[in-house]
Amino acid sequence: MVQMTVAGLAPGAAYAIIGCCVILLFRTTGVLNFAQAVLGAFGACIAAETYDSLGLTAASAAAVGVLSGTLLAIAVGALTTWLFKDSQVAVRATAMIAVTVGLLTLGLRLFGDVPLPVAPVVPVTVIDLGAQATVGLDTVVLLALGLLLAAGSAFVLGRTRLGAVLRAVSARPATAELLGVRVRLLSIGMWAFTGAVSSVAMLLIAPARSDDFRTMGMLVLPALAAVLVGAFRSVPATLAGGLALGVIESVSVTWPAISSYKAVLPFLFVIVALLWSQRKQVWDEAR
């Protein structure tokens, strides 16, 4: 059981990182990016293609993949900020659903739905934790990246002038622009940052999972479950939610009655998160 719990930390950290990127983009640009995992999947798949066809080293292929995911995120962000600059959040979310479906279709056309040889970026090293449990170095790196992202995001958004400006860009973009804030540049910068981080997360998790484009792109579902735990605001809570979901999925393998329905767990997690987020309203009405 201990080993299964540890094994769930890697996918959980990936869910958390992607979820944190979704929250960061939403809190700073007002866009709910359902394509966050798809952008990372493009980066990982391009890295795999260049590694296989061009004979690059794992590090060089990873750099190409991260750059590709970042550039694609910039392109999507530039298009979104241009076409839906003054639109409501619901309109932007609807547009992102269309973008996500389009990118998924394009990715399946380019890469198919067969596993790709994503080379490990981190050396394959196992760390002994005692108690008959081991953890891979890639898991440690993913956890460190998730913790750094959560802590850094909370600090920047809550305690710095840049964070205040970014929040203003999301809440009142027209007012921020009148005050001299370069709204579009900051928004595209956030798209680039989240695209790069998502690509790194995908490159780290892909060698340990089914690394086909469809599977990686659909990681946005458990990531959104983690986002709901954070109520679309709290990056630390999203990190905790992603890790919890990864552990639950991993441990469920030991229960045959549940393991067959492992793919349903993110949806159940979403329902529980929604019910929990509405608890105060329900209790207030009951009183």
Protein backbone atom coordinates (compact mmCIF):
# COMPACT_ATOMS: atom_id res chain seq x y z
CA MET A 1 0.00 0.00 0.00
CA VAL A 2 2.84 2.40 0.81
CA GLN A 3 4.46 1.75 -2.56
CA MET A 4 1.16 2.31 -4.41
CA THR A 5 0.72 5.58 -2.55
CA VAL A 6 4.20 6.73 -3.57
CA ALA A 7 3.56 5.59 -7.15
CA GLY A 8 0.54 7.89 -7.33
CA LEU A 9 2.59 10.98 -6.56
CA ALA A 10 4.01 11.28 -10.10
CA PRO A 11 0.69 11.42 -11.98
CA GLY A 12 -0.78 13.43 -9.10
CA ALA A 13 2.00 16.01 -9.43
CA ALA A 14 1.36 16.20 -13.19
CA TYR A 15 -2.38 16.79 -12.58
CA ALA A 16 -1.51 19.43 -10.01
CA ILE A 17 0.96 21.26 -12.25
CA ILE A 18 -1.45 21.41 -15.17
CA GLY A 19 -4.25 22.48 -12.82
CA CYS A 20 -2.05 25.21 -11.31
CA CYS A 21 -1.33 26.49 -14.83
CA VAL A 22 -5.07 26.60 -15.55
CA ILE A 23 -5.66 28.65 -12.38
CA LEU A 24 -2.74 30.98 -13.07
CA LEU A 25 -4.00 31.73 -16.56
CA PHE A 26 -7.57 32.17 -15.34
CA ARG A 27 -6.60 34.52 -12.51
CA THR A 28 -4.33 36.65 -14.71
CA THR A 29 -6.12 36.70 -18.07
CA GLY A 30 -9.68 35.60 -17.32
CA VAL A 31 -9.39 32.67 -19.75
CA LEU A 32 -10.30 29.14 -18.66
CA ASN A 33 -7.88 27.13 -20.75
CA PHE A 34 -9.29 23.64 -21.33
CA ALA A 35 -6.42 23.05 -23.77
CA GLN A 36 -3.70 23.34 -21.13
CA ALA A 37 -2.81 19.64 -21.22
CA VAL A 38 -3.13 19.54 -25.01
CA LEU A 39 -0.51 22.28 -25.35
CA GLY A 40 1.84 20.26 -23.17
CA ALA A 41 1.05 17.11 -25.14
CA PHE A 42 2.10 18.88 -28.35
CA GLY A 43 5.42 19.77 -26.74
CA ALA A 44 6.03 16.20 -25.54
CA CYS A 45 5.05 14.63 -28.87
CA ILE A 46 7.22 17.02 -30.88
CA ALA A 47 10.10 16.17 -28.56
CA ALA A 48 9.47 12.46 -29.21
CA GLU A 49 9.32 12.98 -32.97
CA THR A 50 12.57 14.97 -33.09
CA TYR A 51 14.29 12.48 -30.79
CA ASP A 52 13.27 9.59 -33.03
CA SER A 53 13.70 11.13 -36.48
CA LEU A 54 16.60 13.57 -36.00
CA GLY A 55 18.59 11.51 -33.50
CA LEU A 56 18.85 14.35 -30.97
CA THR A 57 19.88 13.78 -27.38
CA ALA A 58 17.11 13.54 -24.81
CA ALA A 59 17.94 17.01 -23.46
CA SER A 60 18.00 18.62 -26.93
CA ALA A 61 14.73 16.95 -27.94
CA ALA A 62 13.16 18.10 -24.66
CA ALA A 63 14.29 21.68 -25.32
CA VAL A 64 12.72 21.54 -28.79
CA GLY A 65 9.51 20.17 -27.27
CA VAL A 66 9.28 22.84 -24.58
CA LEU A 67 9.96 25.57 -27.14
CA SER A 68 7.29 24.14 -29.45
CA GLY A 69 4.71 23.95 -26.66
CA THR A 70 5.54 27.50 -25.63
CA LEU A 71 5.23 28.87 -29.16
CA LEU A 72 1.92 27.09 -29.67
CA ALA A 73 0.64 28.53 -26.38
CA ILE A 74 1.75 32.01 -27.50
CA ALA A 75 -0.10 31.57 -30.80
CA VAL A 76 -3.31 30.48 -29.06
CA GLY A 77 -2.95 33.25 -26.48
CA ALA A 78 -2.37 35.92 -29.13
CA LEU A 79 -5.42 34.77 -31.07
CA THR A 80 -7.56 34.67 -27.92
CA THR A 81 -6.51 38.11 -26.67
CA TRP A 82 -7.13 39.57 -30.12
CA LEU A 83 -10.53 38.03 -30.89
CA PHE A 84 -12.01 37.90 -27.36
CA LYS A 85 -10.37 40.87 -25.68
CA ASP A 86 -13.60 42.37 -24.32
CA SER A 87 -15.70 39.19 -24.15
CA GLN A 88 -17.30 37.73 -21.04
CA VAL A 89 -15.69 34.79 -19.24
CA ALA A 90 -18.40 32.42 -20.51
CA VAL A 91 -17.72 33.43 -24.12
CA ARG A 92 -13.99 32.91 -23.67
CA ALA A 93 -14.57 29.51 -22.08
CA THR A 94 -16.81 28.46 -24.97
CA ALA A 95 -14.15 29.58 -27.44
CA MET A 96 -11.51 27.58 -25.56
CA ILE A 97 -13.66 24.44 -25.79
CA ALA A 98 -13.65 24.88 -29.58
CA VAL A 99 -9.89 25.50 -29.56
CA THR A 100 -9.34 22.38 -27.44
CA VAL A 101 -11.36 20.17 -29.79
CA GLY A 102 -9.52 21.63 -32.77
CA LEU A 103 -6.08 21.07 -31.22
CA LEU A 104 -7.00 17.51 -30.20
CA THR A 105 -8.12 16.77 -33.74
CA LEU A 106 -4.96 18.30 -35.19
CA GLY A 107 -2.74 16.43 -32.75
CA LEU A 108 -4.38 13.08 -33.52
CA ARG A 109 -3.93 13.80 -37.20
CA LEU A 110 -0.24 14.61 -36.76
CA PHE A 111 0.77 12.05 -34.13
CA GLY A 112 -1.95 9.39 -34.22
CA ASP A 113 -3.01 7.52 -31.10
CA VAL A 114 -0.03 5.19 -30.76
CA PRO A 115 2.63 5.52 -28.03
CA LEU A 116 5.58 7.72 -28.94
CA PRO A 117 9.18 7.23 -27.70
CA VAL A 118 9.44 10.14 -25.26
CA ALA A 119 12.99 9.87 -23.94
CA PRO A 120 13.42 10.31 -20.16
CA VAL A 121 14.69 13.81 -19.40
CA VAL A 122 15.66 12.88 -15.84
CA PRO A 123 18.06 9.93 -15.31
CA VAL A 124 16.28 6.71 -14.42
CA THR A 125 17.23 6.58 -10.75
CA VAL A 126 15.36 4.92 -7.88
CA ILE A 127 15.57 6.30 -4.34
CA ASP A 128 14.99 3.92 -1.43
CA LEU A 129 12.55 5.39 1.11
CA GLY A 130 12.58 2.43 3.46
CA ALA A 131 9.42 0.60 4.54
CA GLN A 132 9.63 -1.36 1.28
CA ALA A 133 8.98 1.74 -0.79
CA THR A 134 10.98 3.41 -3.54
CA VAL A 135 10.51 6.58 -5.55
CA GLY A 136 11.91 7.58 -8.92
CA LEU A 137 13.99 10.69 -9.41
CA ASP A 138 11.47 11.89 -12.01
CA THR A 139 8.75 11.82 -9.35
CA VAL A 140 10.92 13.89 -7.02
CA VAL A 141 11.51 16.44 -9.80
CA LEU A 142 7.77 16.62 -10.58
CA LEU A 143 6.95 17.16 -6.92
CA ALA A 144 9.61 19.85 -6.63
CA LEU A 145 8.28 21.58 -9.74
CA GLY A 146 4.72 21.46 -8.38
CA LEU A 147 5.74 22.85 -4.98
CA LEU A 148 7.86 25.58 -6.56
CA LEU A 149 5.04 26.54 -8.91
CA ALA A 150 2.46 26.66 -6.10
CA ALA A 151 4.67 28.59 -3.67
CA GLY A 152 5.98 30.99 -6.33
CA SER A 153 2.52 31.67 -7.75
CA ALA A 154 0.98 32.32 -4.34
CA PHE A 155 3.80 34.72 -3.48
CA VAL A 156 3.78 36.62 -6.78
CA LEU A 157 -0.01 36.96 -7.01
CA GLY A 158 -0.50 37.83 -3.36
CA ARG A 159 2.54 39.86 -2.36
CA THR A 160 4.08 41.60 -5.38
CA ARG A 161 3.21 44.54 -7.58
CA LEU A 162 3.40 42.29 -10.65
CA GLY A 163 0.75 40.06 -9.10
CA ALA A 164 -1.51 43.04 -8.45
CA VAL A 165 -1.10 44.19 -12.05
CA LEU A 166 -1.83 40.70 -13.40
CA ARG A 167 -4.98 40.44 -11.30
CA ALA A 168 -6.05 43.86 -12.53
CA VAL A 169 -5.52 42.73 -16.11
CA SER A 170 -7.90 39.84 -15.48
CA ALA A 171 -10.57 41.82 -13.62
CA ARG A 172 -10.50 45.16 -15.48
CA PRO A 173 -8.41 44.87 -18.68
CA ALA A 174 -9.77 48.08 -20.24
CA THR A 175 -9.07 50.11 -17.09
CA ALA A 176 -5.59 48.60 -16.76
CA GLU A 177 -4.86 49.52 -20.37
CA LEU A 178 -5.95 53.12 -19.78
CA LEU A 179 -3.51 53.26 -16.86
CA GLY A 180 -0.64 52.33 -19.17
CA VAL A 181 -0.45 48.59 -18.47
CA ARG A 182 0.58 46.57 -21.51
CA VAL A 183 -2.33 44.16 -21.14
CA ARG A 184 -1.82 42.09 -24.26
CA LEU A 185 1.91 41.65 -23.69
CA LEU A 186 1.37 40.50 -20.09
CA SER A 187 -1.41 38.14 -21.14
CA ILE A 188 0.69 36.52 -23.87
CA GLY A 189 3.56 36.26 -21.40
CA MET A 190 1.34 34.24 -19.05
CA TRP A 191 0.28 32.02 -21.95
CA ALA A 192 3.94 31.41 -22.77
CA PHE A 193 4.84 30.62 -19.15
CA THR A 194 1.99 28.17 -18.60
CA GLY A 195 2.60 26.54 -21.98
CA ALA A 196 6.26 25.97 -21.12
CA VAL A 197 5.48 24.57 -17.65
CA SER A 198 2.81 22.22 -19.04
CA SER A 199 5.25 20.95 -21.68
CA VAL A 200 7.88 20.26 -19.00
CA ALA A 201 5.32 18.38 -16.90
CA MET A 202 4.29 16.24 -19.87
CA LEU A 203 7.91 15.45 -20.74
CA LEU A 204 8.52 14.30 -17.18
CA ILE A 205 5.40 12.13 -16.85
CA ALA A 206 5.21 10.69 -20.40
CA PRO A 207 7.94 8.00 -20.10
CA ALA A 208 6.16 6.49 -17.07
CA ARG A 209 2.66 6.49 -18.61
CA SER A 210 0.96 5.64 -21.87
CA ASP A 211 2.61 8.41 -23.87
CA ASP A 212 0.25 8.75 -26.82
CA PHE A 213 -1.18 12.14 -27.72
CA ARG A 214 -4.78 11.32 -26.81
CA THR A 215 -3.90 10.09 -23.30
CA MET A 216 -1.69 13.09 -22.56
CA GLY A 217 -4.23 15.58 -23.90
CA MET A 218 -7.01 14.13 -21.75
CA LEU A 219 -4.99 14.68 -18.58
CA VAL A 220 -6.83 17.99 -18.45
CA LEU A 221 -9.82 16.14 -16.91
CA PRO A 222 -8.11 15.15 -13.63
CA ALA A 223 -6.33 18.52 -13.71
CA LEU A 224 -9.70 20.30 -13.80
CA ALA A 225 -10.82 18.15 -10.87
CA ALA A 226 -7.82 19.53 -8.96
CA VAL A 227 -8.76 23.05 -10.08
CA LEU A 228 -12.22 22.58 -8.56
CA VAL A 229 -10.63 21.66 -5.25
CA GLY A 230 -8.87 25.00 -5.41
CA ALA A 231 -12.16 26.72 -6.33
CA PHE A 232 -10.44 28.32 -9.34
CA ARG A 233 -8.42 30.53 -6.98
CA SER A 234 -6.11 28.62 -4.63
CA VAL A 235 -2.96 27.25 -6.23
CA PRO A 236 -1.85 25.38 -3.05
CA ALA A 237 -5.28 23.71 -2.75
CA THR A 238 -5.06 22.71 -6.42
CA LEU A 239 -1.66 21.16 -5.77
CA ALA A 240 -3.09 19.17 -2.86
CA GLY A 241 -6.10 18.10 -4.92
CA GLY A 242 -3.98 16.87 -7.80
CA LEU A 243 -1.71 14.85 -5.51
CA ALA A 244 -4.72 13.35 -3.72
CA LEU A 245 -6.33 12.31 -6.98
CA GLY A 246 -3.11 10.69 -8.21
CA VAL A 247 -2.76 8.71 -4.98
CA ILE A 248 -6.42 7.64 -5.06
CA GLU A 249 -6.05 6.40 -8.65
CA SER A 250 -2.91 4.48 -7.79
CA VAL A 251 -4.28 2.86 -4.63
CA SER A 252 -7.51 1.90 -6.43
CA VAL A 253 -5.51 -0.58 -8.52
CA THR A 254 -5.27 -2.82 -5.44
CA TRP A 255 -9.08 -3.04 -5.29
CA PRO A 256 -10.30 -5.12 -8.28
CA ALA A 257 -13.89 -3.96 -7.84
CA ILE A 258 -12.79 -0.34 -8.30
CA SER A 259 -9.76 -0.59 -10.59
CA SER A 260 -11.93 -1.35 -13.62
CA TYR A 261 -13.57 2.05 -13.18
CA LYS A 262 -10.37 4.03 -12.57
CA ALA A 263 -11.13 6.32 -15.52
CA VAL A 264 -14.33 7.44 -13.78
CA LEU A 265 -12.54 8.57 -10.61
CA PRO A 266 -11.75 12.12 -11.88
CA PHE A 267 -15.47 12.68 -12.55
CA LEU A 268 -16.39 11.44 -9.07
CA PHE A 269 -13.67 13.68 -7.68
CA VAL A 270 -15.22 16.62 -9.56
CA ILE A 271 -18.66 15.90 -8.10
CA VAL A 272 -17.29 15.64 -4.56
CA ALA A 273 -15.29 18.85 -5.05
CA LEU A 274 -18.40 20.69 -6.30
CA LEU A 275 -20.49 19.47 -3.38
CA TRP A 276 -17.76 20.48 -0.94
CA SER A 277 -17.43 23.93 -2.51
CA GLN A 278 -21.19 24.47 -2.06
CA ARG A 279 -21.25 23.28 1.56
CA LYS A 280 -21.47 26.79 3.08
CA GLN A 281 -24.41 27.78 0.89
CA VAL A 282 -26.25 24.55 1.70
CA TRP A 283 -25.62 24.92 5.44
CA ASP A 284 -26.73 28.57 5.37
CA GLU A 285 -29.99 27.61 3.64
CA ALA A 286 -30.53 24.77 6.12
CA ARG A 287 -30.28 27.23 9.01
